[in-house]
């Protein structure tokens, strides 16, 4: 996969995690562990995106 393709895939995954976070936050019985895990994964992807974009 090219760097551009990898960046695009990470951006899609980041948006999907954001959607999942929004869904979880609107539930009446929020799962705080799930929210924390989603936020952590989203941050990991964001960090990787920043590194890839800086080197591209």
PDB file of N, CA and C in Angstrom:
ATOM      1  N   UNK A   1       0.845  -1.173   0.000  1.00  0.00           N
ATOM      2  CA  UNK A   1       0.000   0.000   0.000  1.00  0.00           C
ATOM      3  C   UNK A   1       0.895   1.241   0.000  1.00  0.00           C
ATOM      4  N   UNK A   2       0.504   2.202  -0.800  1.00  0.00           N
ATOM      5  CA  UNK A   2       1.269   3.439  -0.835  1.00  0.00           C
ATOM      6  C   UNK A   2       1.023   4.250   0.434  1.00  0.00           C
ATOM      7  N   UNK A   3       1.900   5.201   0.648  1.00  0.00           N
ATOM      8  CA  UNK A   3       1.732   6.066   1.819  1.00  0.00           C
ATOM      9  C   UNK A   3       0.398   6.801   1.752  1.00  0.00           C
ATOM     10  N   UNK A   4       0.043   7.289   0.562  1.00  0.00           N
ATOM     11  CA  UNK A   4      -1.221   8.014   0.403  1.00  0.00           C
ATOM     12  C   UNK A   4      -2.409   7.094   0.690  1.00  0.00           C
ATOM     13  N   UNK A   5      -2.324   5.855   0.235  1.00  0.00           N
ATOM     14  CA  UNK A   5      -3.387   4.889   0.493  1.00  0.00           C
ATOM     15  C   UNK A   5      -3.506   4.561   1.960  1.00  0.00           C
ATOM     16  N   UNK A   6      -2.363   4.451   2.611  1.00  0.00           N
ATOM     17  CA  UNK A   6      -2.345   4.163   4.044  1.00  0.00           C
ATOM     18  C   UNK A   6      -2.941   5.327   4.830  1.00  0.00           C
ATOM     19  N   UNK A   7      -2.592   6.542   4.437  1.00  0.00           N
ATOM     20  CA  UNK A   7      -3.146   7.734   5.089  1.00  0.00           C
ATOM     21  C   UNK A   7      -4.661   7.774   4.903  1.00  0.00           C
ATOM     22  N   UNK A   8      -5.117   7.495   3.684  1.00  0.00           N
ATOM     23  CA  UNK A   8      -6.558   7.508   3.415  1.00  0.00           C
ATOM     24  C   UNK A   8      -7.278   6.456   4.253  1.00  0.00           C
ATOM     25  N   UNK A   9      -6.693   5.276   4.385  1.00  0.00           N
ATOM     26  CA  UNK A   9      -7.301   4.216   5.187  1.00  0.00           C
ATOM     27  C   UNK A   9      -7.363   4.619   6.658  1.00  0.00           C
ATOM     28  N   UNK A  10      -6.299   5.242   7.154  1.00  0.00           N
ATOM     29  CA  UNK A  10      -6.286   5.699   8.544  1.00  0.00           C
ATOM     30  C   UNK A  10      -7.323   6.788   8.771  1.00  0.00           C
ATOM     31  N   UNK A  11      -7.473   7.688   7.801  1.00  0.00           N
ATOM     32  CA  UNK A  11      -8.466   8.751   7.933  1.00  0.00           C
ATOM     33  C   UNK A  11      -9.877   8.168   7.977  1.00  0.00           C
ATOM     34  N   UNK A  12     -10.138   7.143   7.144  1.00  0.00           N
ATOM     35  CA  UNK A  12     -11.446   6.494   7.173  1.00  0.00           C
ATOM     36  C   UNK A  12     -11.682   5.824   8.521  1.00  0.00           C
ATOM     37  N   UNK A  13     -10.661   5.147   9.041  1.00  0.00           N
ATOM     38  CA  UNK A  13     -10.783   4.471  10.335  1.00  0.00           C
ATOM     39  C   UNK A  13     -11.015   5.492  11.452  1.00  0.00           C
ATOM     40  N   UNK A  14     -10.324   6.627  11.383  1.00  0.00           N
ATOM     41  CA  UNK A  14     -10.480   7.693  12.370  1.00  0.00           C
ATOM     42  C   UNK A  14     -11.929   8.201  12.369  1.00  0.00           C
ATOM     43  N   UNK A  15     -12.491   8.415  11.175  1.00  0.00           N
ATOM     44  CA  UNK A  15     -13.873   8.882  11.065  1.00  0.00           C
ATOM     45  C   UNK A  15     -14.853   7.833  11.596  1.00  0.00           C
ATOM     46  N   UNK A  16     -14.582   6.570  11.333  1.00  0.00           N
ATOM     47  CA  UNK A  16     -15.437   5.500  11.829  1.00  0.00           C
ATOM     48  C   UNK A  16     -15.408   5.449  13.358  1.00  0.00           C
ATOM     49  N   UNK A  17     -14.240   5.624  13.949  1.00  0.00           N
ATOM     50  CA  UNK A  17     -14.135   5.655  15.403  1.00  0.00           C
ATOM     51  C   UNK A  17     -14.894   6.848  15.978  1.00  0.00           C
ATOM     52  N   UNK A  18     -14.830   7.968  15.298  1.00  0.00           N
ATOM     53  CA  UNK A  18     -15.571   9.163  15.734  1.00  0.00           C
ATOM     54  C   UNK A  18     -17.072   8.875  15.718  1.00  0.00           C
ATOM     55  N   UNK A  19     -17.541   8.195  14.680  1.00  0.00           N
ATOM     56  CA  UNK A  19     -18.956   7.840  14.591  1.00  0.00           C
ATOM     57  C   UNK A  19     -19.344   6.894  15.730  1.00  0.00           C
ATOM     58  N   UNK A  20     -18.494   5.919  16.006  1.00  0.00           N
ATOM     59  CA  UNK A  20     -18.759   4.983  17.099  1.00  0.00           C
ATOM     60  C   UNK A  20     -18.804   5.701  18.445  1.00  0.00           C
ATOM     61  N   UNK A  21     -17.892   6.654  18.631  1.00  0.00           N
ATOM     62  CA  UNK A  21     -17.895   7.450  19.859  1.00  0.00           C
ATOM     63  C   UNK A  21     -19.190   8.248  19.995  1.00  0.00           C
ATOM     64  N   UNK A  22     -19.611   8.863  18.910  1.00  0.00           N
ATOM     65  CA  UNK A  22     -20.868   9.623  18.931  1.00  0.00           C
ATOM     66  C   UNK A  22     -22.037   8.714  19.289  1.00  0.00           C
ATOM     67  N   UNK A  23     -22.076   7.528  18.683  1.00  0.00           N
ATOM     68  CA  UNK A  23     -23.146   6.569  18.976  1.00  0.00           C
ATOM     69  C   UNK A  23     -23.138   6.170  20.449  1.00  0.00           C
ATOM     70  N   UNK A  24     -21.959   5.877  20.963  1.00  0.00           N
ATOM     71  CA  UNK A  24     -21.850   5.440  22.355  1.00  0.00           C
ATOM     72  C   UNK A  24     -22.233   6.569  23.312  1.00  0.00           C
ATOM     73  N   UNK A  25     -21.866   7.790  22.975  1.00  0.00           N
ATOM     74  CA  UNK A  25     -22.175   8.928  23.847  1.00  0.00           C
ATOM     75  C   UNK A  25     -23.661   9.263  23.869  1.00  0.00           C
ATOM     76  N   UNK A  26     -24.405   8.859  22.851  1.00  0.00           N
ATOM     77  CA  UNK A  26     -25.830   9.158  22.817  1.00  0.00           C
ATOM     78  C   UNK A  26     -26.672   8.054  23.455  1.00  0.00           C
ATOM     79  N   UNK A  27     -26.058   6.932  23.796  1.00  0.00           N
ATOM     80  CA  UNK A  27     -26.792   5.848  24.451  1.00  0.00           C
ATOM     81  C   UNK A  27     -27.141   6.248  25.880  1.00  0.00           C
ATOM     82  N   UNK A  28     -28.255   5.734  26.356  1.00  0.00           N
ATOM     83  CA  UNK A  28     -28.659   6.018  27.734  1.00  0.00           C
ATOM     84  C   UNK A  28     -27.707   5.369  28.731  1.00  0.00           C
ATOM     85  N   UNK A  29     -27.318   4.139  28.464  1.00  0.00           N
ATOM     86  CA  UNK A  29     -26.389   3.418  29.346  1.00  0.00           C
ATOM     87  C   UNK A  29     -25.016   3.378  28.671  1.00  0.00           C
ATOM     88  N   UNK A  30     -24.274   4.462  28.837  1.00  0.00           N
ATOM     89  CA  UNK A  30     -22.961   4.558  28.200  1.00  0.00           C
ATOM     90  C   UNK A  30     -21.978   3.592  28.852  1.00  0.00           C
ATOM     91  N   UNK A  31     -21.133   3.014  28.024  1.00  0.00           N
ATOM     92  CA  UNK A  31     -20.083   2.109  28.492  1.00  0.00           C
ATOM     93  C   UNK A  31     -18.780   2.911  28.551  1.00  0.00           C
ATOM     94  N   UNK A  32     -18.398   3.332  29.749  1.00  0.00           N
ATOM     95  CA  UNK A  32     -17.217   4.189  29.889  1.00  0.00           C
ATOM     96  C   UNK A  32     -15.933   3.483  29.451  1.00  0.00           C
ATOM     97  N   UNK A  33     -15.876   2.161  29.636  1.00  0.00           N
ATOM     98  CA  UNK A  33     -14.692   1.419  29.186  1.00  0.00           C
ATOM     99  C   UNK A  33     -14.601   1.415  27.658  1.00  0.00           C
ATOM    100  N   UNK A  34     -15.740   1.268  26.998  1.00  0.00           N
ATOM    101  CA  UNK A  34     -15.774   1.287  25.532  1.00  0.00           C
ATOM    102  C   UNK A  34     -15.381   2.658  25.017  1.00  0.00           C
ATOM    103  N   UNK A  35     -15.901   3.701  25.656  1.00  0.00           N
ATOM    104  CA  UNK A  35     -15.577   5.068  25.244  1.00  0.00           C
ATOM    105  C   UNK A  35     -14.086   5.322  25.393  1.00  0.00           C
ATOM    106  N   UNK A  36     -13.505   4.895  26.496  1.00  0.00           N
ATOM    107  CA  UNK A  36     -12.068   5.088  26.723  1.00  0.00           C
ATOM    108  C   UNK A  36     -11.255   4.338  25.680  1.00  0.00           C
ATOM    109  N   UNK A  37     -11.662   3.113  25.349  1.00  0.00           N
ATOM    110  CA  UNK A  37     -10.933   2.320  24.351  1.00  0.00           C
ATOM    111  C   UNK A  37     -11.024   2.964  22.972  1.00  0.00           C
ATOM    112  N   UNK A  38     -12.201   3.448  22.616  1.00  0.00           N
ATOM    113  CA  UNK A  38     -12.369   4.108  21.321  1.00  0.00           C
ATOM    114  C   UNK A  38     -11.526   5.377  21.242  1.00  0.00           C
ATOM    115  N   UNK A  39     -11.514   6.152  22.306  1.00  0.00           N
ATOM    116  CA  UNK A  39     -10.710   7.384  22.329  1.00  0.00           C
ATOM    117  C   UNK A  39      -9.227   7.071  22.216  1.00  0.00           C
ATOM    118  N   UNK A  40      -8.792   6.031  22.919  1.00  0.00           N
ATOM    119  CA  UNK A  40      -7.383   5.643  22.870  1.00  0.00           C
ATOM    120  C   UNK A  40      -6.983   5.214  21.457  1.00  0.00           C
ATOM    121  N   UNK A  41      -7.820   4.401  20.808  1.00  0.00           N
ATOM    122  CA  UNK A  41      -7.527   3.944  19.451  1.00  0.00           C
ATOM    123  C   UNK A  41      -7.545   5.125  18.474  1.00  0.00           C
ATOM    124  N   UNK A  42      -8.494   6.018  18.660  1.00  0.00           N
ATOM    125  CA  UNK A  42      -8.580   7.203  17.797  1.00  0.00           C
ATOM    126  C   UNK A  42      -7.318   8.052  17.919  1.00  0.00           C
ATOM    127  N   UNK A  43      -6.814   8.216  19.137  1.00  0.00           N
ATOM    128  CA  UNK A  43      -5.593   8.984  19.361  1.00  0.00           C
ATOM    129  C   UNK A  43      -4.382   8.292  18.738  1.00  0.00           C
ATOM    130  N   UNK A  44      -4.315   6.967  18.837  1.00  0.00           N
ATOM    131  CA  UNK A  44      -3.213   6.224  18.218  1.00  0.00           C
ATOM    132  C   UNK A  44      -3.209   6.437  16.706  1.00  0.00           C
ATOM    133  N   UNK A  45      -4.388   6.391  16.104  1.00  0.00           N
ATOM    134  CA  UNK A  45      -4.490   6.592  14.662  1.00  0.00           C
ATOM    135  C   UNK A  45      -4.105   8.013  14.302  1.00  0.00           C
ATOM    136  N   UNK A  46      -4.551   8.980  15.086  1.00  0.00           N
ATOM    137  CA  UNK A  46      -4.211  10.381  14.830  1.00  0.00           C
ATOM    138  C   UNK A  46      -2.699  10.597  14.902  1.00  0.00           C
ATOM    139  N   UNK A  47      -2.048   9.990  15.896  1.00  0.00           N
ATOM    140  CA  UNK A  47      -0.593  10.097  16.016  1.00  0.00           C
ATOM    141  C   UNK A  47       0.104   9.499  14.793  1.00  0.00           C
ATOM    142  N   UNK A  48      -0.382   8.347  14.346  1.00  0.00           N
ATOM    143  CA  UNK A  48       0.218   7.719  13.172  1.00  0.00           C
ATOM    144  C   UNK A  48       0.009   8.582  11.933  1.00  0.00           C
ATOM    145  N   UNK A  49      -1.180   9.179  11.803  1.00  0.00           N
ATOM    146  CA  UNK A  49      -1.446  10.065  10.681  1.00  0.00           C
ATOM    147  C   UNK A  49      -0.487  11.250  10.652  1.00  0.00           C
ATOM    148  N   UNK A  50      -0.264  11.849  11.808  1.00  0.00           N
ATOM    149  CA  UNK A  50       0.635  13.003  11.892  1.00  0.00           C
ATOM    150  C   UNK A  50       2.048  12.609  11.454  1.00  0.00           C
ATOM    151  N   UNK A  51       2.511  11.453  11.917  1.00  0.00           N
ATOM    152  CA  UNK A  51       3.854  10.979  11.521  1.00  0.00           C
ATOM    153  C   UNK A  51       3.945  10.738  10.024  1.00  0.00           C
ATOM    154  N   UNK A  52       2.922  10.083   9.460  1.00  0.00           N
ATOM    155  CA  UNK A  52       2.941   9.793   8.023  1.00  0.00           C
ATOM    156  C   UNK A  52       2.861  11.057   7.187  1.00  0.00           C
ATOM    157  N   UNK A  53       2.025  11.996   7.616  1.00  0.00           N
ATOM    158  CA  UNK A  53       1.881  13.228   6.852  1.00  0.00           C
ATOM    159  C   UNK A  53       3.139  14.075   6.935  1.00  0.00           C
ATOM    160  N   UNK A  54       3.854  14.002   8.034  1.00  0.00           N
ATOM    161  CA  UNK A  54       5.097  14.769   8.178  1.00  0.00           C
ATOM    162  C   UNK A  54       6.189  14.189   7.288  1.00  0.00           C
ATOM    163  N   UNK A  55       6.151  12.888   7.064  1.00  0.00           N
ATOM    164  CA  UNK A  55       7.198  12.255   6.263  1.00  0.00           C
ATOM    165  C   UNK A  55       6.841  12.193   4.781  1.00  0.00           C
ATOM    166  N   UNK A  56       5.585  12.512   4.434  1.00  0.00           N
ATOM    167  CA  UNK A  56       5.148  12.445   3.030  1.00  0.00           C
ATOM    168  C   UNK A  56       5.554  13.680   2.264  1.00  0.00           C
TER     169      UNK A  56
END
